[in-house]
């Protein structure tokens, strides 16, 4: 992105050094966390499925930092980055991946079902598109109760051809609900390229069918993402209704750890890796005088220590007691 374009999307507070360093810190934390999670998976310490979002960190961070603390988040199962950027404890998130009692869901949810009442973070959902109507329901509740809270609903491009997507966006458009729909378009739904499954590959254009604005932004530019999502949130909060924001991004790893990646070429992946958004943002911070190499190295060390601590904590944490298997199946009012 050119300097002029970056300046155009920067809000006044975003130019502050602390905020920019925090964006870098969060993106790097997600990257290092997922790299260590992949290693733990190959060691057999993480079971089931593991879906990594390495390469998509700006989309993860930009959406979360735009939120107010009492806004609500619904997301899909590729959600480690969203959870960490929302402020969930890396120790508790890693422990959940390990299936340990100290995890955010006491080891019951695993990688695909992170949730936190404290952070208004209502899941990773495994059913593609299945959480979109739930998010609309919460937005309806906020509107009914006269609250100024907004729901942020995140899903991948693989969800946009489901009936739930159409029904939920149509309802949100009819009732002008306080919700922002964010589609992380990483160009592949599992192993299917978007042009093979969608007649309309620019997902934001679908917003017109539901009488809401749609916008496409570069999901690999964290400042663009934050500015676009922040504007959509404020529109919804002020009574302007829902909107659809499409973040064009790319995952460097397969759909899951079990994915042989036969549907895309190694050359394509390497082309995207050459534009890795984290080192590019790091260089920009230095070039524009927002941070020195010494300051960035201090952030690097801090993140490495945080992730290593999270792994040690998860390793040392106890397994859930089988006698608690049926605890918390229902929540008492």
Protein backbone atom coordinates (compact mmCIF):
# COMPACT_ATOMS: atom_id res chain seq x y z
CA UNK A 1 0.00 0.00 0.00
CA UNK A 2 1.28 3.48 -0.83
CA UNK A 3 1.99 6.00 1.89
CA UNK A 4 -0.84 8.21 0.58
CA UNK A 5 -3.37 5.37 0.78
CA UNK A 6 -2.27 4.40 4.30
CA UNK A 7 -2.69 8.01 5.41
CA UNK A 8 -6.19 8.03 3.92
CA UNK A 9 -7.37 5.08 6.01
CA UNK A 10 -5.64 6.03 9.27
CA UNK A 11 -7.86 7.44 11.98
CA UNK A 12 -6.25 9.97 14.34
CA UNK A 13 -5.77 7.49 17.17
CA UNK A 14 -4.33 4.91 14.79
CA UNK A 15 -1.38 7.18 14.14
CA UNK A 16 -0.40 6.89 17.76
CA UNK A 17 2.69 4.82 18.30
CA UNK A 18 1.25 2.63 21.04
CA UNK A 19 -1.70 1.61 18.90
CA UNK A 20 0.45 0.72 15.90
CA UNK A 21 2.83 -1.31 18.05
CA UNK A 22 -0.16 -3.09 19.58
CA UNK A 23 -1.39 -4.06 16.12
CA UNK A 24 2.04 -5.50 15.34
CA UNK A 25 2.19 -7.29 18.70
CA UNK A 26 -1.23 -8.90 18.21
CA UNK A 27 -0.48 -10.06 14.66
CA UNK A 28 2.86 -11.54 15.69
CA UNK A 29 1.29 -13.22 18.72
CA UNK A 30 -1.24 -14.97 16.50
CA UNK A 31 1.47 -16.06 14.05
CA UNK A 32 3.78 -17.48 16.72
CA UNK A 33 0.88 -19.05 18.64
CA UNK A 34 -0.36 -20.92 15.57
CA UNK A 35 3.12 -22.03 14.57
CA UNK A 36 3.57 -23.59 18.01
CA UNK A 37 0.08 -25.09 17.83
CA UNK A 38 0.99 -26.76 14.54
CA UNK A 39 4.11 -28.19 16.17
CA UNK A 40 2.10 -29.48 19.14
CA UNK A 41 -0.39 -31.09 16.75
CA UNK A 42 2.35 -33.08 15.03
CA UNK A 43 3.53 -34.18 18.49
CA UNK A 44 0.09 -35.54 19.29
CA UNK A 45 -0.59 -32.98 22.01
CA UNK A 46 -3.57 -31.53 20.13
CA UNK A 47 -6.23 -33.90 18.87
CA UNK A 48 -9.10 -33.62 16.44
CA UNK A 49 -8.95 -30.90 13.82
CA UNK A 50 -6.69 -27.87 13.79
CA UNK A 51 -7.47 -25.04 11.36
CA UNK A 52 -4.74 -22.42 11.11
CA UNK A 53 -5.11 -18.87 9.80
CA UNK A 54 -1.42 -18.19 9.21
CA UNK A 55 -1.31 -15.35 6.67
CA UNK A 56 -4.68 -13.91 7.73
CA UNK A 57 -3.49 -12.10 10.87
CA UNK A 58 -4.34 -8.55 9.67
CA UNK A 59 -7.93 -9.63 9.03
CA UNK A 60 -8.10 -11.17 12.51
CA UNK A 61 -6.63 -8.18 14.33
CA UNK A 62 -8.24 -5.37 12.35
CA UNK A 63 -11.74 -6.68 12.99
CA UNK A 64 -11.25 -7.20 16.73
CA UNK A 65 -9.56 -3.91 17.62
CA UNK A 66 -12.42 -1.97 16.05
CA UNK A 67 -14.90 -3.43 18.54
CA UNK A 68 -16.12 -1.92 21.77
CA UNK A 69 -15.63 -4.12 24.86
CA UNK A 70 -19.36 -4.94 25.11
CA UNK A 71 -19.92 -5.68 21.42
CA UNK A 72 -20.51 -9.32 20.59
CA UNK A 73 -18.55 -11.65 18.30
CA UNK A 74 -19.66 -14.76 16.45
CA UNK A 75 -17.08 -16.45 14.28
CA UNK A 76 -16.24 -19.66 12.44
CA UNK A 77 -13.92 -22.46 13.52
CA UNK A 78 -10.72 -20.82 12.20
CA UNK A 79 -10.85 -18.58 15.22
CA UNK A 80 -7.60 -18.73 17.25
CA UNK A 81 -6.56 -15.35 15.88
CA UNK A 82 -9.89 -13.71 16.62
CA UNK A 83 -9.83 -15.04 20.18
CA UNK A 84 -6.30 -13.81 20.87
CA UNK A 85 -6.90 -10.42 19.25
CA UNK A 86 -10.06 -10.04 21.33
CA UNK A 87 -7.91 -10.34 24.44
CA UNK A 88 -8.39 -13.93 25.54
CA UNK A 89 -5.51 -15.33 27.60
CA UNK A 90 -3.00 -17.20 25.37
CA UNK A 91 -2.49 -19.69 28.21
CA UNK A 92 -6.18 -20.55 28.37
CA UNK A 93 -6.54 -20.71 24.59
CA UNK A 94 -3.55 -23.04 24.21
CA UNK A 95 -4.80 -25.19 27.08
CA UNK A 96 -8.15 -25.49 25.32
CA UNK A 97 -6.38 -26.70 22.17
CA UNK A 98 -4.60 -29.27 24.36
CA UNK A 99 -7.95 -30.37 25.79
CA UNK A 100 -6.97 -29.39 29.33
CA UNK A 101 -9.08 -28.41 32.33
CA UNK A 102 -7.54 -24.92 32.36
CA UNK A 103 -8.76 -24.14 28.84
CA UNK A 104 -11.35 -21.48 28.03
CA UNK A 105 -14.03 -24.20 27.85
CA UNK A 106 -12.33 -26.51 30.36
CA UNK A 107 -11.10 -28.68 27.50
CA UNK A 108 -14.58 -29.44 26.18
CA UNK A 109 -14.48 -27.34 23.03
CA UNK A 110 -10.99 -27.67 21.61
CA UNK A 111 -9.70 -25.72 18.66
CA UNK A 112 -13.02 -25.26 16.89
CA UNK A 113 -15.19 -24.03 19.76
CA UNK A 114 -13.45 -21.21 21.61
CA UNK A 115 -15.78 -19.01 23.66
CA UNK A 116 -15.60 -16.49 26.48
CA UNK A 117 -18.45 -14.81 28.35
CA UNK A 118 -16.05 -12.14 29.63
CA UNK A 119 -15.04 -11.15 26.12
CA UNK A 120 -18.53 -11.43 24.55
CA UNK A 121 -16.98 -14.03 22.28
CA UNK A 122 -19.68 -16.56 21.43
CA UNK A 123 -17.77 -19.15 19.49
CA UNK A 124 -16.13 -20.73 16.91
CA UNK A 125 -18.83 -22.76 15.18
CA UNK A 126 -18.12 -25.93 13.24
CA UNK A 127 -21.19 -25.88 10.99
CA UNK A 128 -20.33 -23.68 8.02
CA UNK A 129 -22.71 -20.73 8.02
CA UNK A 130 -24.70 -22.13 10.94
CA UNK A 131 -23.76 -19.33 13.31
CA UNK A 132 -24.94 -16.49 11.06
CA UNK A 133 -28.63 -16.75 12.09
CA UNK A 134 -27.55 -16.94 15.76
CA UNK A 135 -25.67 -13.67 15.39
CA UNK A 136 -28.74 -12.09 13.78
CA UNK A 137 -30.82 -13.29 16.72
CA UNK A 138 -28.52 -11.56 19.18
CA UNK A 139 -28.62 -8.37 17.11
CA UNK A 140 -32.42 -8.54 17.21
CA UNK A 141 -32.26 -8.87 21.00
CA UNK A 142 -30.04 -5.78 21.24
CA UNK A 143 -32.44 -3.81 19.05
CA UNK A 144 -35.48 -5.00 21.01
CA UNK A 145 -33.89 -4.01 24.33
CA UNK A 146 -32.76 -0.62 23.03
CA UNK A 147 -29.06 -1.31 23.55
CA UNK A 148 -26.32 0.38 21.52
CA UNK A 149 -24.27 -2.81 21.26
CA UNK A 150 -23.36 -4.22 17.84
CA UNK A 151 -22.84 -7.83 16.77
CA UNK A 152 -19.89 -8.72 14.56
CA UNK A 153 -20.41 -11.93 12.60
CA UNK A 154 -17.38 -13.43 10.82
CA UNK A 155 -17.44 -16.27 8.30
CA UNK A 156 -15.47 -17.54 5.33
CA UNK A 157 -16.23 -17.42 1.64
CA UNK A 158 -17.33 -21.05 1.86
CA UNK A 159 -20.40 -19.96 3.87
CA UNK A 160 -21.87 -17.51 1.39
CA UNK A 161 -23.67 -20.12 -0.72
CA UNK A 162 -25.55 -21.61 2.23
CA UNK A 163 -29.20 -21.00 2.89
CA UNK A 164 -28.37 -19.68 6.35
CA UNK A 165 -26.34 -16.84 4.82
CA UNK A 166 -29.22 -15.74 2.59
CA UNK A 167 -31.92 -16.07 5.24
CA UNK A 168 -29.92 -14.30 7.95
CA UNK A 169 -28.75 -11.37 5.82
CA UNK A 170 -32.24 -10.94 4.42
CA UNK A 171 -33.73 -10.78 7.93
CA UNK A 172 -31.04 -8.35 9.09
CA UNK A 173 -31.76 -6.15 6.08
CA UNK A 174 -35.53 -6.20 6.57
CA UNK A 175 -35.31 -5.30 10.27
CA UNK A 176 -32.26 -2.99 9.96
CA UNK A 177 -30.48 -4.81 12.74
CA UNK A 178 -27.25 -3.63 14.47
CA UNK A 179 -24.93 -6.22 12.96
CA UNK A 180 -21.85 -6.20 10.76
CA UNK A 181 -21.19 -9.23 8.58
CA UNK A 182 -17.51 -9.83 7.80
CA UNK A 183 -16.50 -12.42 5.22
CA UNK A 184 -12.86 -13.49 5.29
CA UNK A 185 -12.40 -14.38 1.65
CA UNK A 186 -9.23 -16.48 1.51
CA UNK A 187 -10.20 -17.60 -2.01
CA UNK A 188 -10.86 -21.24 -1.06
CA UNK A 189 -13.75 -22.93 0.73
CA UNK A 190 -11.89 -25.96 2.05
CA UNK A 191 -10.32 -27.13 -1.23
CA UNK A 192 -12.66 -25.41 -3.68
CA UNK A 193 -11.63 -22.15 -5.34
CA UNK A 194 -14.31 -19.49 -5.07
CA UNK A 195 -14.63 -19.12 -8.84
CA UNK A 196 -15.62 -22.80 -9.06
CA UNK A 197 -18.44 -22.44 -6.53
CA UNK A 198 -19.75 -18.88 -6.85
CA UNK A 199 -21.14 -17.10 -9.90
CA UNK A 200 -20.36 -13.86 -8.05
CA UNK A 201 -16.81 -14.02 -6.71
CA UNK A 202 -16.79 -10.48 -5.31
CA UNK A 203 -18.80 -11.31 -2.22
CA UNK A 204 -19.45 -7.72 -1.12
CA UNK A 205 -21.72 -7.24 -4.16
CA UNK A 206 -24.23 -9.62 -2.59
CA UNK A 207 -25.07 -6.95 -0.03
CA UNK A 208 -27.20 -5.16 -2.62
CA UNK A 209 -29.72 -8.02 -2.54
CA UNK A 210 -30.39 -7.30 1.14
CA UNK A 211 -30.53 -3.49 0.92
CA UNK A 212 -27.33 -2.98 2.86
CA UNK A 213 -23.97 -1.47 1.89
CA UNK A 214 -21.14 -3.76 0.90
CA UNK A 215 -17.44 -3.03 0.82
CA UNK A 216 -14.35 -4.96 -0.24
CA UNK A 217 -10.98 -4.16 1.35
CA UNK A 218 -7.50 -5.61 1.36
CA UNK A 219 -7.62 -8.05 4.26
CA UNK A 220 -3.82 -8.15 4.44
CA UNK A 221 -3.62 -4.48 5.44
CA UNK A 222 -4.53 -4.24 9.11
CA UNK A 223 -5.20 -0.49 9.01
CA UNK A 224 -7.58 -0.81 6.08
CA UNK A 225 -9.43 -3.58 7.87
CA UNK A 226 -9.74 -1.63 11.10
CA UNK A 227 -10.98 1.52 9.35
CA UNK A 228 -13.59 -0.37 7.30
CA UNK A 229 -14.90 -2.42 10.20
CA UNK A 230 -14.93 0.56 12.56
CA UNK A 231 -17.03 2.57 10.08
CA UNK A 232 -19.47 -0.31 9.65
CA UNK A 233 -19.78 -0.75 13.43
CA UNK A 234 -20.53 2.94 13.94
CA UNK A 235 -23.14 2.86 11.19
CA UNK A 236 -24.88 -0.06 12.88
CA UNK A 237 -24.55 1.51 16.36
CA UNK A 238 -26.14 4.77 15.21
CA UNK A 239 -29.20 3.01 13.77
CA UNK A 240 -27.97 2.85 10.18
CA UNK A 241 -28.50 -0.88 9.88
CA UNK A 242 -26.30 -3.79 8.82
CA UNK A 243 -23.51 -4.00 6.28
CA UNK A 244 -21.27 -6.58 4.64
CA UNK A 245 -17.48 -6.16 4.66
CA UNK A 246 -15.37 -8.48 2.51
CA UNK A 247 -11.74 -8.97 3.54
CA UNK A 248 -9.63 -10.45 0.75
CA UNK A 249 -6.88 -12.48 2.37
CA UNK A 250 -5.01 -15.79 2.01
CA UNK A 251 -4.05 -18.67 4.27
CA UNK A 252 -0.50 -19.91 3.87
CA UNK A 253 -1.34 -23.33 5.33
CA UNK A 254 -3.94 -25.84 4.20
CA UNK A 255 -7.58 -25.92 5.22
CA UNK A 256 -6.58 -28.04 8.22
CA UNK A 257 -3.47 -29.88 9.36
CA UNK A 258 -4.76 -32.92 7.46
CA UNK A 259 -4.98 -31.06 4.14
CA UNK A 260 -2.55 -32.27 1.40
CA UNK A 261 -3.23 -29.01 -0.55
CA UNK A 262 -3.64 -30.63 -3.95
CA UNK A 263 -6.05 -27.94 -5.15
CA UNK A 264 -3.55 -25.08 -5.45
CA UNK A 265 -0.02 -24.77 -6.76
CA UNK A 266 3.07 -24.26 -4.64
CA UNK A 267 3.91 -21.30 -6.86
CA UNK A 268 0.65 -19.57 -5.93
CA UNK A 269 1.29 -20.06 -2.22
CA UNK A 270 4.85 -18.76 -2.53
CA UNK A 271 3.64 -15.66 -4.37
CA UNK A 272 1.38 -14.80 -1.44
CA UNK A 273 4.06 -15.63 1.13
CA UNK A 274 6.39 -13.19 -0.61
CA UNK A 275 3.90 -10.48 0.43
CA UNK A 276 3.68 -11.70 4.03
CA UNK A 277 1.74 -8.92 5.80
CA UNK A 278 3.56 -9.07 9.15
CA UNK A 279 7.12 -8.32 8.00
CA UNK A 280 5.69 -5.75 5.58
CA UNK A 281 3.93 -3.95 8.44
CA UNK A 282 7.08 -4.21 10.53
CA UNK A 283 9.13 -2.54 7.80
CA UNK A 284 6.50 0.19 7.39
CA UNK A 285 6.62 0.97 11.12
CA UNK A 286 10.35 1.56 10.82
CA UNK A 287 10.25 3.44 7.52
CA UNK A 288 7.59 5.85 8.78
CA UNK A 289 9.35 6.42 12.10
CA UNK A 290 6.67 4.79 14.26
CA UNK A 291 9.08 2.29 15.84
CA UNK A 292 12.78 1.55 16.04
CA UNK A 293 14.42 -1.82 15.46
CA UNK A 294 15.15 -2.00 19.18
CA UNK A 295 11.50 -1.46 20.07
CA UNK A 296 10.35 -4.06 17.56
CA UNK A 297 12.87 -6.60 18.76
CA UNK A 298 11.55 -6.07 22.29
CA UNK A 299 8.04 -6.86 21.04
CA UNK A 300 9.38 -9.96 19.25
CA UNK A 301 10.97 -11.24 22.47
CA UNK A 302 7.86 -10.49 24.49
CA UNK A 303 5.67 -12.44 22.07
CA UNK A 304 8.05 -15.41 21.96
CA UNK A 305 8.08 -15.56 25.76
CA UNK A 306 4.28 -15.33 25.93
CA UNK A 307 3.79 -18.20 23.49
CA UNK A 308 6.39 -20.42 25.14
CA UNK A 309 4.75 -19.76 28.49
CA UNK A 310 1.36 -20.71 27.02
CA UNK A 311 2.73 -24.02 25.74
CA UNK A 312 4.37 -24.84 29.09
CA UNK A 313 1.15 -23.96 30.90
CA UNK A 314 -0.95 -26.16 28.62
CA UNK A 315 1.52 -29.03 28.92
CA UNK A 316 1.50 -28.89 32.71
CA UNK A 317 -2.27 -28.43 33.10
CA UNK A 318 -4.43 -31.33 34.27
CA UNK A 319 -6.76 -33.36 32.11
CA UNK A 320 -10.48 -32.82 32.82
CA UNK A 321 -11.87 -35.08 35.54
CA UNK A 322 -14.23 -37.62 33.89
CA UNK A 323 -16.68 -37.11 36.76
CA UNK A 324 -17.31 -33.56 35.46
CA UNK A 325 -18.32 -34.76 31.99
CA UNK A 326 -21.92 -33.58 32.35
CA UNK A 327 -21.14 -30.32 34.14
CA UNK A 328 -22.18 -27.11 32.38
CA UNK A 329 -24.28 -28.85 29.77
CA UNK A 330 -26.96 -26.36 30.72
CA UNK A 331 -26.49 -22.94 32.33
CA UNK A 332 -28.73 -22.20 35.28
CA UNK A 333 -30.57 -18.86 35.00
